[in-house]
Amino acid sequence: FMGGLIKAATKALPAAFCAITKKC
């Protein structure tokens, strides 16, 4: 589940995901 959620997040909001997870 988390894997799919991460993929969706990185595709829809790459900048936000980068800032939240600190993984760029």
PDB file of N, CA and C in Angstrom:
ATOM      1  N   PHE A   1       0.841  -1.210   0.000  1.00  0.00           N
ATOM      2  CA  PHE A   1       0.000   0.000   0.000  1.00  0.00           C
ATOM      3  C   PHE A   1       0.876   1.260   0.000  1.00  0.00           C
ATOM      4  N   MET A   2       1.838   1.282   0.898  1.00  0.00           N
ATOM      5  CA  MET A   2       2.709   2.465   1.004  1.00  0.00           C
ATOM      6  C   MET A   2       3.488   2.690  -0.287  1.00  0.00           C
ATOM      7  N   GLY A   3       3.906   1.587  -0.926  1.00  0.00           N
ATOM      8  CA  GLY A   3       4.645   1.720  -2.176  1.00  0.00           C
ATOM      9  C   GLY A   3       3.813   2.421  -3.228  1.00  0.00           C
ATOM     10  N   GLY A   4       2.552   2.013  -3.361  1.00  0.00           N
ATOM     11  CA  GLY A   4       1.662   2.635  -4.337  1.00  0.00           C
ATOM     12  C   GLY A   4       1.389   4.079  -3.973  1.00  0.00           C
ATOM     13  N   LEU A   5       1.248   4.334  -2.678  1.00  0.00           N
ATOM     14  CA  LEU A   5       0.974   5.695  -2.211  1.00  0.00           C
ATOM     15  C   LEU A   5       2.158   6.599  -2.513  1.00  0.00           C
ATOM     16  N   ILE A   6       3.352   6.078  -2.298  1.00  0.00           N
ATOM     17  CA  ILE A   6       4.566   6.852  -2.575  1.00  0.00           C
ATOM     18  C   ILE A   6       4.675   7.143  -4.068  1.00  0.00           C
ATOM     19  N   LYS A   7       4.392   6.147  -4.896  1.00  0.00           N
ATOM     20  CA  LYS A   7       4.469   6.345  -6.345  1.00  0.00           C
ATOM     21  C   LYS A   7       3.482   7.412  -6.785  1.00  0.00           C
ATOM     22  N   ALA A   8       2.268   7.366  -6.245  1.00  0.00           N
ATOM     23  CA  ALA A   8       1.243   8.347  -6.602  1.00  0.00           C
ATOM     24  C   ALA A   8       1.669   9.737  -6.147  1.00  0.00           C
ATOM     25  N   ALA A   9       2.258   9.799  -4.952  1.00  0.00           N
ATOM     26  CA  ALA A   9       2.680  11.088  -4.403  1.00  0.00           C
ATOM     27  C   ALA A   9       3.808  11.682  -5.235  1.00  0.00           C
ATOM     28  N   THR A  10       4.762  10.849  -5.616  1.00  0.00           N
ATOM     29  CA  THR A  10       5.909  11.342  -6.374  1.00  0.00           C
ATOM     30  C   THR A  10       5.499  11.771  -7.776  1.00  0.00           C
ATOM     31  N   LYS A  11       4.456  11.142  -8.292  1.00  0.00           N
ATOM     32  CA  LYS A  11       3.996  11.513  -9.634  1.00  0.00           C
ATOM     33  C   LYS A  11       3.144  12.774  -9.590  1.00  0.00           C
ATOM     34  N   ALA A  12       2.303  12.895  -8.570  1.00  0.00           N
ATOM     35  CA  ALA A  12       1.382  14.029  -8.483  1.00  0.00           C
ATOM     36  C   ALA A  12       2.045  15.244  -7.841  1.00  0.00           C
ATOM     37  N   LEU A  13       2.811  14.998  -6.775  1.00  0.00           N
ATOM     38  CA  LEU A  13       3.431  16.123  -6.063  1.00  0.00           C
ATOM     39  C   LEU A  13       4.895  15.821  -5.747  1.00  0.00           C
ATOM     40  N   PRO A  14       5.738  15.774  -6.767  1.00  0.00           N
ATOM     41  CA  PRO A  14       7.155  15.439  -6.570  1.00  0.00           C
ATOM     42  C   PRO A  14       7.859  16.412  -5.642  1.00  0.00           C
ATOM     43  N   ALA A  15       7.576  17.698  -5.790  1.00  0.00           N
ATOM     44  CA  ALA A  15       8.229  18.711  -4.957  1.00  0.00           C
ATOM     45  C   ALA A  15       7.803  18.572  -3.501  1.00  0.00           C
ATOM     46  N   ALA A  16       6.508  18.371  -3.272  1.00  0.00           N
ATOM     47  CA  ALA A  16       5.990  18.238  -1.912  1.00  0.00           C
ATOM     48  C   ALA A  16       6.537  16.966  -1.269  1.00  0.00           C
ATOM     49  N   PHE A  17       6.554  15.881  -2.019  1.00  0.00           N
ATOM     50  CA  PHE A  17       7.067  14.614  -1.517  1.00  0.00           C
ATOM     51  C   PHE A  17       8.528  14.765  -1.120  1.00  0.00           C
ATOM     52  N   CYS A  18       9.292  15.447  -1.952  1.00  0.00           N
ATOM     53  CA  CYS A  18      10.712  15.671  -1.691  1.00  0.00           C
ATOM     54  C   CYS A  18      10.888  16.441  -0.397  1.00  0.00           C
ATOM     55  N   ALA A  19      10.090  17.478  -0.201  1.00  0.00           N
ATOM     56  CA  ALA A  19      10.210  18.320   0.990  1.00  0.00           C
ATOM     57  C   ALA A  19       9.797  17.562   2.252  1.00  0.00           C
ATOM     58  N   ILE A  20       8.739  16.753   2.150  1.00  0.00           N
ATOM     59  CA  ILE A  20       8.220  16.037   3.316  1.00  0.00           C
ATOM     60  C   ILE A  20       9.158  14.903   3.738  1.00  0.00           C
ATOM     61  N   THR A  21       9.614  14.123   2.762  1.00  0.00           N
ATOM     62  CA  THR A  21      10.426  12.952   3.082  1.00  0.00           C
ATOM     63  C   THR A  21      11.903  13.274   3.151  1.00  0.00           C
ATOM     64  N   LYS A  22      12.305  14.436   2.642  1.00  0.00           N
ATOM     65  CA  LYS A  22      13.708  14.850   2.596  1.00  0.00           C
ATOM     66  C   LYS A  22      14.515  13.925   1.692  1.00  0.00           C
ATOM     67  N   LYS A  23      13.796  13.192   0.805  1.00  0.00           N
ATOM     68  CA  LYS A  23      14.490  12.314  -0.139  1.00  0.00           C
ATOM     69  C   LYS A  23      14.304  12.882  -1.538  1.00  0.00           C
ATOM     70  N   CYS A  24      15.351  13.487  -2.065  1.00  0.00           N
ATOM     71  CA  CYS A  24      15.217  14.141  -3.366  1.00  0.00           C
ATOM     72  C   CYS A  24      16.084  13.437  -4.421  1.00  0.00           C
TER      73      CYS A  24
END
